[in-house]
Amino acid sequence: MRLLSRIFLLSGLALASGIASAEASSDAHDLRVMTFNVRYGEADDGINAWPQRRNLMVRVIKQEHPDIMGTQELLSPQGDYLAQHLPDYTWFGMGRNGNEINKNSNEHMGVFYDKTRLDVLESGNFWLSQTPDKPGSIGAGLLMPRMVTWAKFRDRRSGKAFYYYDTHFPYRDGEEAEATRERCAEQIRQRLAQLPGSVPVVLTGDFNTTPDSRTHASLTEVLHDARTSAPRREGQEGTFHNFTGKADRRIDWILYRGMKAEAVRTITTHDGKVYPSDHFPVVADFSW
């Protein structure tokens, strides 16, 4: 009897230790970042239409609980729905055409953040064009406005400040389109060069090109790619799967400087044939 009691006691201690270890591991990061192309809510996607997948998206975000999340293709009603069902979070962003034009069908680079963890010190938007401060302006080679939503945050827990940029590059194939993406990357680089080097920076987005591209090479001259620099990588590399679950291209990136990437994972959660989006979200854990 004493032997059995001792075994149960030791087992209980081991289980408690395992739970504590898992909890400590899950909370070991200083900053958790997610990038998520959410697929615009007005698309005719059959069983993957927005009303069919929105609660799955909420569940994925709750499970990962990023401190900050950059979205692409977000329409205002989608952003409001997510915020309503994610009470720890709030979001901001301006429609790429300017909020005055078709606000509800106007793509946002919506930035969500855990308001219990982070404070916004300043924020803004700029367009990837020759007139970056003009809402809705279209740059050379672009078919529609492309933009960056940014903010400077302060982490309440550590007091650390960092800049966050979120974007969505043009999607066409071919040499001309890649040259256009390179121009977008160069404009972001010019903005980054104006930031104080002592403050960390994170850039997330759907870049619509792969890591072997000139666009990636340009950005990683001044930033690190979390997927390649983190010592721990989980999940498949590809991120765009078009609601098939099979992704052969990594076009969603988390780039950074001034911190250390500890782990990166691609989230492939689905419910049968229903996926939260046609892109897999990517999560990176950083330490200061």
C-alpha atoms as a PDB file:
ATOM      1  CA  MET A   1       0.000   0.000   0.000  1.00  0.00           C
ATOM      2  CA  ARG A   2       2.834   2.360   0.951  1.00  0.00           C
ATOM      3  CA  LEU A   3       4.613   1.451  -2.293  1.00  0.00           C
ATOM      4  CA  LEU A   4       1.497   2.214  -4.364  1.00  0.00           C
ATOM      5  CA  SER A   5       0.992   5.501  -2.545  1.00  0.00           C
ATOM      6  CA  ARG A   6       4.576   6.444  -3.244  1.00  0.00           C
ATOM      7  CA  ILE A   7       4.226   5.544  -6.924  1.00  0.00           C
ATOM      8  CA  PHE A   8       1.068   7.646  -7.230  1.00  0.00           C
ATOM      9  CA  LEU A   9       2.767  10.521  -5.421  1.00  0.00           C
ATOM     10  CA  LEU A  10       5.809  10.405  -7.684  1.00  0.00           C
ATOM     11  CA  SER A  11       3.607  10.125 -10.763  1.00  0.00           C
ATOM     12  CA  GLY A  12       1.587  13.105  -9.642  1.00  0.00           C
ATOM     13  CA  LEU A  13       4.721  15.146  -9.057  1.00  0.00           C
ATOM     14  CA  ALA A  14       6.081  14.168 -12.446  1.00  0.00           C
ATOM     15  CA  LEU A  15       2.814  15.122 -14.140  1.00  0.00           C
ATOM     16  CA  ALA A  16       2.685  18.441 -12.312  1.00  0.00           C
ATOM     17  CA  SER A  17       6.307  19.078 -13.222  1.00  0.00           C
ATOM     18  CA  GLY A  18       5.560  18.283 -16.877  1.00  0.00           C
ATOM     19  CA  ILE A  19       2.612  20.662 -16.928  1.00  0.00           C
ATOM     20  CA  ALA A  20       4.654  23.395 -15.283  1.00  0.00           C
ATOM     21  CA  SER A  21       7.488  22.789 -17.728  1.00  0.00           C
ATOM     22  CA  ALA A  22       5.112  22.964 -20.696  1.00  0.00           C
ATOM     23  CA  GLU A  23       3.553  26.145 -19.370  1.00  0.00           C
ATOM     24  CA  ALA A  24       6.965  27.690 -18.777  1.00  0.00           C
ATOM     25  CA  SER A  25       8.043  26.706 -22.275  1.00  0.00           C
ATOM     26  CA  SER A  26       4.931  28.191 -23.858  1.00  0.00           C
ATOM     27  CA  ASP A  27       5.510  31.448 -21.982  1.00  0.00           C
ATOM     28  CA  ALA A  28       9.269  31.548 -22.488  1.00  0.00           C
ATOM     29  CA  HIS A  29       9.105  34.027 -25.353  1.00  0.00           C
ATOM     30  CA  ASP A  30       9.399  37.789 -24.871  1.00  0.00           C
ATOM     31  CA  LEU A  31       7.365  38.578 -27.982  1.00  0.00           C
ATOM     32  CA  ARG A  32       5.153  36.305 -30.086  1.00  0.00           C
ATOM     33  CA  VAL A  33       4.386  37.498 -33.622  1.00  0.00           C
ATOM     34  CA  MET A  34       1.909  36.095 -36.139  1.00  0.00           C
ATOM     35  CA  THR A  35       1.457  36.951 -39.810  1.00  0.00           C
ATOM     36  CA  PHE A  36      -1.861  35.909 -41.325  1.00  0.00           C
ATOM     37  CA  ASN A  37      -3.327  36.537 -44.765  1.00  0.00           C
ATOM     38  CA  VAL A  38      -6.966  36.046 -43.785  1.00  0.00           C
ATOM     39  CA  ARG A  39      -8.489  35.902 -47.305  1.00  0.00           C
ATOM     40  CA  TYR A  40     -10.991  38.664 -47.904  1.00  0.00           C
ATOM     41  CA  GLY A  41     -14.434  37.929 -46.577  1.00  0.00           C
ATOM     42  CA  GLU A  42     -16.423  38.646 -49.740  1.00  0.00           C
ATOM     43  CA  ALA A  43     -14.800  35.882 -51.803  1.00  0.00           C
ATOM     44  CA  ASP A  44     -17.020  33.070 -53.120  1.00  0.00           C
ATOM     45  CA  ASP A  45     -15.105  30.215 -51.506  1.00  0.00           C
ATOM     46  CA  GLY A  46     -17.844  27.612 -51.067  1.00  0.00           C
ATOM     47  CA  ILE A  47     -17.322  25.606 -47.885  1.00  0.00           C
ATOM     48  CA  ASN A  48     -14.440  27.938 -47.061  1.00  0.00           C
ATOM     49  CA  ALA A  49     -16.499  31.117 -47.321  1.00  0.00           C
ATOM     50  CA  TRP A  50     -15.906  33.526 -44.462  1.00  0.00           C
ATOM     51  CA  PRO A  51     -18.993  32.551 -42.387  1.00  0.00           C
ATOM     52  CA  GLN A  52     -17.875  28.898 -42.496  1.00  0.00           C
ATOM     53  CA  ARG A  53     -14.301  29.490 -41.388  1.00  0.00           C
ATOM     54  CA  ARG A  54     -14.330  32.561 -39.148  1.00  0.00           C
ATOM     55  CA  ASN A  55     -14.785  30.654 -35.875  1.00  0.00           C
ATOM     56  CA  LEU A  56     -11.932  28.329 -36.820  1.00  0.00           C
ATOM     57  CA  MET A  57      -9.760  31.399 -37.367  1.00  0.00           C
ATOM     58  CA  VAL A  58     -10.729  32.698 -33.932  1.00  0.00           C
ATOM     59  CA  ARG A  59      -9.809  29.326 -32.439  1.00  0.00           C
ATOM     60  CA  VAL A  60      -6.385  29.298 -34.113  1.00  0.00           C
ATOM     61  CA  ILE A  61      -5.566  32.801 -32.889  1.00  0.00           C
ATOM     62  CA  LYS A  62      -6.680  31.940 -29.351  1.00  0.00           C
ATOM     63  CA  GLN A  63      -4.552  28.797 -29.347  1.00  0.00           C
ATOM     64  CA  GLU A  64      -1.419  30.608 -30.495  1.00  0.00           C
ATOM     65  CA  HIS A  65      -2.191  33.821 -28.595  1.00  0.00           C
ATOM     66  CA  PRO A  66       0.272  36.106 -30.388  1.00  0.00           C
ATOM     67  CA  ASP A  67       1.189  39.361 -28.709  1.00  0.00           C
ATOM     68  CA  ILE A  68       0.857  41.006 -32.112  1.00  0.00           C
ATOM     69  CA  MET A  69      -0.550  39.850 -35.449  1.00  0.00           C
ATOM     70  CA  GLY A  70      -0.286  41.441 -38.863  1.00  0.00           C
ATOM     71  CA  THR A  71      -3.066  40.571 -41.300  1.00  0.00           C
ATOM     72  CA  GLN A  72      -3.494  40.994 -45.026  1.00  0.00           C
ATOM     73  CA  GLU A  73      -6.678  41.103 -47.147  1.00  0.00           C
ATOM     74  CA  LEU A  74      -8.633  42.020 -44.025  1.00  0.00           C
ATOM     75  CA  LEU A  75     -11.973  43.720 -44.600  1.00  0.00           C
ATOM     76  CA  SER A  76     -13.364  45.926 -41.862  1.00  0.00           C
ATOM     77  CA  PRO A  77     -16.276  43.590 -40.928  1.00  0.00           C
ATOM     78  CA  GLN A  78     -13.798  40.721 -40.593  1.00  0.00           C
ATOM     79  CA  GLY A  79     -11.586  42.772 -38.314  1.00  0.00           C
ATOM     80  CA  ASP A  80     -14.541  43.749 -36.160  1.00  0.00           C
ATOM     81  CA  TYR A  81     -15.724  40.128 -35.934  1.00  0.00           C
ATOM     82  CA  LEU A  82     -12.304  38.904 -34.830  1.00  0.00           C
ATOM     83  CA  ALA A  83     -11.986  41.674 -32.242  1.00  0.00           C
ATOM     84  CA  GLN A  84     -15.462  40.901 -30.907  1.00  0.00           C
ATOM     85  CA  HIS A  85     -14.530  37.254 -30.367  1.00  0.00           C
ATOM     86  CA  LEU A  86     -10.978  37.911 -29.160  1.00  0.00           C
ATOM     87  CA  PRO A  87     -11.558  40.139 -26.118  1.00  0.00           C
ATOM     88  CA  ASP A  88      -7.844  40.480 -25.283  1.00  0.00           C
ATOM     89  CA  TYR A  89      -7.226  42.131 -28.647  1.00  0.00           C
ATOM     90  CA  THR A  90      -7.920  45.347 -30.464  1.00  0.00           C
ATOM     91  CA  TRP A  91      -6.933  46.326 -33.992  1.00  0.00           C
ATOM     92  CA  PHE A  92      -6.192  49.296 -36.206  1.00  0.00           C
ATOM     93  CA  GLY A  93      -5.518  49.991 -39.878  1.00  0.00           C
ATOM     94  CA  MET A  94      -6.652  52.044 -42.833  1.00  0.00           C
ATOM     95  CA  GLY A  95      -8.158  50.682 -46.034  1.00  0.00           C
ATOM     96  CA  ARG A  96      -5.680  50.712 -48.889  1.00  0.00           C
ATOM     97  CA  ASN A  97      -7.959  52.940 -50.974  1.00  0.00           C
ATOM     98  CA  GLY A  98      -8.448  55.319 -48.071  1.00  0.00           C
ATOM     99  CA  ASN A  99     -11.141  54.683 -45.471  1.00  0.00           C
ATOM    100  CA  GLU A 100     -13.601  57.016 -47.192  1.00  0.00           C
ATOM    101  CA  ILE A 101     -13.934  54.711 -50.217  1.00  0.00           C
ATOM    102  CA  ASN A 102     -15.865  51.435 -49.848  1.00  0.00           C
ATOM    103  CA  LYS A 103     -14.729  50.992 -46.264  1.00  0.00           C
ATOM    104  CA  ASN A 104     -16.300  47.561 -45.855  1.00  0.00           C
ATOM    105  CA  SER A 105     -14.783  46.128 -49.074  1.00  0.00           C
ATOM    106  CA  ASN A 106     -11.417  47.841 -48.770  1.00  0.00           C
ATOM    107  CA  GLU A 107      -8.413  45.715 -47.829  1.00  0.00           C
ATOM    108  CA  HIS A 108      -6.643  46.619 -44.580  1.00  0.00           C
ATOM    109  CA  MET A 109      -3.205  45.663 -43.314  1.00  0.00           C
ATOM    110  CA  GLY A 110      -4.987  45.258 -39.982  1.00  0.00           C
ATOM    111  CA  VAL A 111      -2.686  45.033 -36.959  1.00  0.00           C
ATOM    112  CA  PHE A 112      -4.095  43.182 -33.950  1.00  0.00           C
ATOM    113  CA  TYR A 113      -2.361  43.341 -30.585  1.00  0.00           C
ATOM    114  CA  ASP A 114      -2.920  42.069 -27.063  1.00  0.00           C
ATOM    115  CA  LYS A 115      -3.957  45.227 -25.243  1.00  0.00           C
ATOM    116  CA  THR A 116      -3.027  43.685 -21.899  1.00  0.00           C
ATOM    117  CA  ARG A 117       0.594  43.368 -23.058  1.00  0.00           C
ATOM    118  CA  LEU A 118       1.312  46.160 -25.521  1.00  0.00           C
ATOM    119  CA  ASP A 119       0.744  49.908 -25.747  1.00  0.00           C
ATOM    120  CA  VAL A 120       0.761  51.840 -29.026  1.00  0.00           C
ATOM    121  CA  LEU A 121       3.114  54.819 -28.783  1.00  0.00           C
ATOM    122  CA  GLU A 122       2.579  56.039 -32.349  1.00  0.00           C
ATOM    123  CA  SER A 123       1.201  54.617 -35.575  1.00  0.00           C
ATOM    124  CA  GLY A 124       0.559  55.442 -39.202  1.00  0.00           C
ATOM    125  CA  ASN A 125       0.360  54.273 -42.794  1.00  0.00           C
ATOM    126  CA  PHE A 126       2.250  54.888 -46.002  1.00  0.00           C
ATOM    127  CA  TRP A 127       1.649  53.803 -49.571  1.00  0.00           C
ATOM    128  CA  LEU A 128       4.172  52.084 -51.811  1.00  0.00           C
ATOM    129  CA  SER A 129       4.066  54.828 -54.407  1.00  0.00           C
ATOM    130  CA  GLN A 130       5.735  58.055 -55.436  1.00  0.00           C
ATOM    131  CA  THR A 131       3.362  59.888 -53.051  1.00  0.00           C
ATOM    132  CA  PRO A 132       3.533  57.629 -49.977  1.00  0.00           C
ATOM    133  CA  ASP A 133       1.549  59.914 -47.700  1.00  0.00           C
ATOM    134  CA  LYS A 134      -1.418  60.141 -50.089  1.00  0.00           C
ATOM    135  CA  PRO A 135      -4.039  57.503 -49.172  1.00  0.00           C
ATOM    136  CA  GLY A 136      -4.941  55.286 -52.097  1.00  0.00           C
ATOM    137  CA  SER A 137      -1.985  56.310 -54.262  1.00  0.00           C
ATOM    138  CA  ILE A 138      -0.762  53.671 -56.721  1.00  0.00           C
ATOM    139  CA  GLY A 139       2.924  53.096 -57.369  1.00  0.00           C
ATOM    140  CA  ALA A 140       4.606  52.400 -60.690  1.00  0.00           C
ATOM    141  CA  GLY A 141       3.830  48.920 -62.007  1.00  0.00           C
ATOM    142  CA  LEU A 142       0.996  48.335 -59.524  1.00  0.00           C
ATOM    143  CA  LEU A 143      -2.593  47.588 -60.498  1.00  0.00           C
ATOM    144  CA  MET A 144      -3.992  48.750 -57.149  1.00  0.00           C
ATOM    145  CA  PRO A 145      -2.780  50.560 -54.032  1.00  0.00           C
ATOM    146  CA  ARG A 146      -0.251  48.740 -51.891  1.00  0.00           C
ATOM    147  CA  MET A 147       0.637  49.995 -48.449  1.00  0.00           C
ATOM    148  CA  VAL A 148       2.257  49.521 -45.059  1.00  0.00           C
ATOM    149  CA  THR A 149       0.545  49.947 -41.704  1.00  0.00           C
ATOM    150  CA  TRP A 150       3.041  50.535 -38.905  1.00  0.00           C
ATOM    151  CA  ALA A 151       3.262  51.335 -35.216  1.00  0.00           C
ATOM    152  CA  LYS A 152       5.735  51.796 -32.418  1.00  0.00           C
ATOM    153  CA  PHE A 153       4.807  49.638 -29.436  1.00  0.00           C
ATOM    154  CA  ARG A 154       5.911  49.385 -25.826  1.00  0.00           C
ATOM    155  CA  ASP A 155       5.867  46.049 -24.046  1.00  0.00           C
ATOM    156  CA  ARG A 156       4.343  46.600 -20.617  1.00  0.00           C
ATOM    157  CA  ARG A 157       6.148  43.635 -19.090  1.00  0.00           C
ATOM    158  CA  SER A 158       9.695  44.579 -20.050  1.00  0.00           C
ATOM    159  CA  GLY A 159       9.344  48.244 -20.974  1.00  0.00           C
ATOM    160  CA  LYS A 160      10.956  47.465 -24.332  1.00  0.00           C
ATOM    161  CA  ALA A 161       9.887  49.418 -27.416  1.00  0.00           C
ATOM    162  CA  PHE A 162       9.813  48.104 -30.978  1.00  0.00           C
ATOM    163  CA  TYR A 163       8.530  49.054 -34.422  1.00  0.00           C
ATOM    164  CA  TYR A 164       6.091  46.882 -36.314  1.00  0.00           C
ATOM    165  CA  TYR A 165       5.426  47.048 -40.075  1.00  0.00           C
ATOM    166  CA  ASP A 166       2.788  45.029 -41.944  1.00  0.00           C
ATOM    167  CA  THR A 167       2.364  44.861 -45.722  1.00  0.00           C
ATOM    168  CA  HIS A 168       1.029  42.963 -48.759  1.00  0.00           C
ATOM    169  CA  PHE A 169       3.059  42.970 -51.996  1.00  0.00           C
ATOM    170  CA  PRO A 170       1.591  42.546 -55.531  1.00  0.00           C
ATOM    171  CA  TYR A 171       0.821  39.017 -56.643  1.00  0.00           C
ATOM    172  CA  ARG A 172       1.507  38.776 -60.403  1.00  0.00           C
ATOM    173  CA  ASP A 173       4.141  36.474 -61.873  1.00  0.00           C
ATOM    174  CA  GLY A 174       6.957  37.428 -64.188  1.00  0.00           C
ATOM    175  CA  GLU A 175       9.990  39.668 -64.340  1.00  0.00           C
ATOM    176  CA  GLU A 176       8.042  42.924 -64.390  1.00  0.00           C
ATOM    177  CA  ALA A 177       6.082  41.967 -61.276  1.00  0.00           C
ATOM    178  CA  GLU A 178       9.263  40.977 -59.434  1.00  0.00           C
ATOM    179  CA  ALA A 179      10.811  44.320 -60.335  1.00  0.00           C
ATOM    180  CA  THR A 180       7.719  46.007 -58.885  1.00  0.00           C
ATOM    181  CA  ARG A 181       8.072  44.041 -55.647  1.00  0.00           C
ATOM    182  CA  GLU A 182      11.731  45.048 -55.509  1.00  0.00           C
ATOM    183  CA  ARG A 183      10.682  48.701 -55.687  1.00  0.00           C
ATOM    184  CA  CYS A 184       8.227  48.111 -52.834  1.00  0.00           C
ATOM    185  CA  ALA A 185      11.006  46.488 -50.808  1.00  0.00           C
ATOM    186  CA  GLU A 186      13.340  49.397 -51.492  1.00  0.00           C
ATOM    187  CA  GLN A 187      10.771  51.890 -50.279  1.00  0.00           C
ATOM    188  CA  ILE A 188      10.370  49.946 -47.038  1.00  0.00           C
ATOM    189  CA  ARG A 189      14.146  49.818 -46.671  1.00  0.00           C
ATOM    190  CA  GLN A 190      14.309  53.578 -47.002  1.00  0.00           C
ATOM    191  CA  ARG A 191      11.774  53.939 -44.198  1.00  0.00           C
ATOM    192  CA  LEU A 192      13.605  51.456 -41.999  1.00  0.00           C
ATOM    193  CA  ALA A 193      16.840  53.376 -42.501  1.00  0.00           C
ATOM    194  CA  GLN A 194      15.212  56.375 -40.817  1.00  0.00           C
ATOM    195  CA  LEU A 195      14.423  54.436 -37.627  1.00  0.00           C
ATOM    196  CA  PRO A 196      16.813  54.416 -34.675  1.00  0.00           C
ATOM    197  CA  GLY A 197      19.087  51.408 -34.916  1.00  0.00           C
ATOM    198  CA  SER A 198      18.747  50.717 -31.196  1.00  0.00           C
ATOM    199  CA  VAL A 199      15.010  49.923 -31.445  1.00  0.00           C
ATOM    200  CA  PRO A 200      14.007  46.452 -32.710  1.00  0.00           C
ATOM    201  CA  VAL A 201      11.905  46.144 -35.872  1.00  0.00           C
ATOM    202  CA  VAL A 202       9.509  43.443 -37.087  1.00  0.00           C
ATOM    203  CA  LEU A 203       8.152  43.336 -40.645  1.00  0.00           C
ATOM    204  CA  THR A 204       5.371  40.887 -41.510  1.00  0.00           C
ATOM    205  CA  GLY A 205       3.478  40.342 -44.700  1.00  0.00           C
ATOM    206  CA  ASP A 206       2.363  38.373 -47.694  1.00  0.00           C
ATOM    207  CA  PHE A 207       5.189  39.174 -50.090  1.00  0.00           C
ATOM    208  CA  ASN A 208       3.857  37.086 -52.976  1.00  0.00           C
ATOM    209  CA  THR A 209       7.310  35.836 -53.844  1.00  0.00           C
ATOM    210  CA  THR A 210       9.650  33.164 -52.542  1.00  0.00           C
ATOM    211  CA  PRO A 211      12.864  33.297 -50.469  1.00  0.00           C
ATOM    212  CA  ASP A 212      14.996  32.738 -53.574  1.00  0.00           C
ATOM    213  CA  SER A 213      13.752  36.024 -55.080  1.00  0.00           C
ATOM    214  CA  ARG A 214      15.549  39.337 -55.428  1.00  0.00           C
ATOM    215  CA  THR A 215      12.858  40.911 -53.256  1.00  0.00           C
ATOM    216  CA  HIS A 216      13.730  38.613 -50.361  1.00  0.00           C
ATOM    217  CA  ALA A 217      17.437  39.196 -50.933  1.00  0.00           C
ATOM    218  CA  SER A 218      16.899  42.964 -50.788  1.00  0.00           C
ATOM    219  CA  LEU A 219      14.956  42.891 -47.532  1.00  0.00           C
ATOM    220  CA  THR A 220      17.271  40.404 -45.849  1.00  0.00           C
ATOM    221  CA  GLU A 221      20.233  42.685 -46.470  1.00  0.00           C
ATOM    222  CA  VAL A 222      18.856  44.780 -43.604  1.00  0.00           C
ATOM    223  CA  LEU A 223      16.596  42.289 -41.783  1.00  0.00           C
ATOM    224  CA  HIS A 224      16.750  38.637 -40.738  1.00  0.00           C
ATOM    225  CA  ASP A 225      14.246  36.018 -41.865  1.00  0.00           C
ATOM    226  CA  ALA A 226      12.866  34.300 -38.760  1.00  0.00           C
ATOM    227  CA  ARG A 227      12.236  31.053 -40.643  1.00  0.00           C
ATOM    228  CA  THR A 228      15.892  30.634 -41.562  1.00  0.00           C
ATOM    229  CA  SER A 229      17.488  32.089 -38.432  1.00  0.00           C
ATOM    230  CA  ALA A 230      15.438  30.502 -35.640  1.00  0.00           C
ATOM    231  CA  PRO A 231      17.017  27.384 -34.125  1.00  0.00           C
ATOM    232  CA  ARG A 232      13.609  25.681 -33.830  1.00  0.00           C
ATOM    233  CA  ARG A 233      11.340  25.344 -36.859  1.00  0.00           C
ATOM    234  CA  GLU A 234       8.052  23.447 -36.931  1.00  0.00           C
ATOM    235  CA  GLY A 235       5.509  22.756 -39.630  1.00  0.00           C
ATOM    236  CA  GLN A 236       5.885  22.819 -43.357  1.00  0.00           C
ATOM    237  CA  GLU A 237       7.767  25.591 -45.086  1.00  0.00           C
ATOM    238  CA  GLY A 238       5.130  26.521 -47.661  1.00  0.00           C
ATOM    239  CA  THR A 239       2.383  28.926 -46.641  1.00  0.00           C
ATOM    240  CA  PHE A 240       0.001  29.471 -49.591  1.00  0.00           C
ATOM    241  CA  HIS A 241      -2.213  26.419 -50.113  1.00  0.00           C
ATOM    242  CA  ASN A 242      -5.398  27.790 -51.770  1.00  0.00           C
ATOM    243  CA  PHE A 243      -7.652  25.860 -49.361  1.00  0.00           C
ATOM    244  CA  THR A 244      -6.066  22.530 -50.324  1.00  0.00           C
ATOM    245  CA  GLY A 245      -3.756  22.054 -47.344  1.00  0.00           C
ATOM    246  CA  LYS A 246      -0.846  21.566 -49.776  1.00  0.00           C
ATOM    247  CA  ALA A 247       1.519  24.523 -49.914  1.00  0.00           C
ATOM    248  CA  ASP A 248       4.592  24.645 -52.130  1.00  0.00           C
ATOM    249  CA  ARG A 249       5.544  28.327 -51.785  1.00  0.00           C
ATOM    250  CA  ARG A 250       6.684  30.276 -48.722  1.00  0.00           C
ATOM    251  CA  ILE A 251       5.378  33.757 -49.458  1.00  0.00           C
ATOM    252  CA  ASP A 252       4.386  34.810 -45.910  1.00  0.00           C
ATOM    253  CA  TRP A 253       7.407  36.008 -43.946  1.00  0.00           C
ATOM    254  CA  ILE A 254       8.351  37.401 -40.561  1.00  0.00           C
ATOM    255  CA  LEU A 255      11.463  39.558 -40.871  1.00  0.00           C
ATOM    256  CA  TYR A 256      13.190  41.347 -38.016  1.00  0.00           C
ATOM    257  CA  ARG A 257      16.239  43.017 -36.521  1.00  0.00           C
ATOM    258  CA  GLY A 258      17.369  43.859 -32.990  1.00  0.00           C
ATOM    259  CA  MET A 259      16.000  40.682 -31.368  1.00  0.00           C
ATOM    260  CA  LYS A 260      16.669  36.951 -31.380  1.00  0.00           C
ATOM    261  CA  ALA A 261      14.288  34.544 -33.102  1.00  0.00           C
ATOM    262  CA  GLU A 262      13.846  31.507 -30.857  1.00  0.00           C
ATOM    263  CA  ALA A 263      11.245  29.453 -32.736  1.00  0.00           C
ATOM    264  CA  VAL A 264       9.080  29.598 -35.869  1.00  0.00           C
ATOM    265  CA  ARG A 265       6.134  27.435 -36.838  1.00  0.00           C
ATOM    266  CA  THR A 266       3.627  27.184 -39.654  1.00  0.00           C
ATOM    267  CA  ILE A 267       0.106  26.577 -38.351  1.00  0.00           C
ATOM    268  CA  THR A 268      -1.815  24.056 -40.457  1.00  0.00           C
ATOM    269  CA  THR A 269      -4.926  23.626 -38.276  1.00  0.00           C
ATOM    270  CA  HIS A 270      -8.087  22.736 -40.192  1.00  0.00           C
ATOM    271  CA  ASP A 271     -11.479  21.158 -39.619  1.00  0.00           C
ATOM    272  CA  GLY A 272     -11.894  18.556 -42.343  1.00  0.00           C
ATOM    273  CA  LYS A 273     -11.867  20.480 -45.617  1.00  0.00           C
ATOM    274  CA  VAL A 274     -12.451  23.820 -43.888  1.00  0.00           C
ATOM    275  CA  TYR A 275      -9.370  25.979 -43.313  1.00  0.00           C
ATOM    276  CA  PRO A 276      -9.118  29.310 -41.501  1.00  0.00           C
ATOM    277  CA  SER A 277      -7.688  30.838 -44.692  1.00  0.00           C
ATOM    278  CA  ASP A 278      -6.088  29.986 -48.023  1.00  0.00           C
ATOM    279  CA  HIS A 279      -2.749  30.854 -46.381  1.00  0.00           C
ATOM    280  CA  PHE A 280      -1.243  29.102 -43.381  1.00  0.00           C
ATOM    281  CA  PRO A 281      -0.432  31.619 -40.640  1.00  0.00           C
ATOM    282  CA  VAL A 282       3.163  31.776 -39.392  1.00  0.00           C
ATOM    283  CA  VAL A 283       4.172  32.364 -35.762  1.00  0.00           C
ATOM    284  CA  ALA A 284       7.577  33.403 -34.449  1.00  0.00           C
ATOM    285  CA  ASP A 285       8.740  33.662 -30.853  1.00  0.00           C
ATOM    286  CA  PHE A 286      11.407  36.258 -30.069  1.00  0.00           C
ATOM    287  CA  SER A 287      13.570  37.137 -27.100  1.00  0.00           C
ATOM    288  CA  TRP A 288      14.890  40.605 -26.409  1.00  0.00           C
END
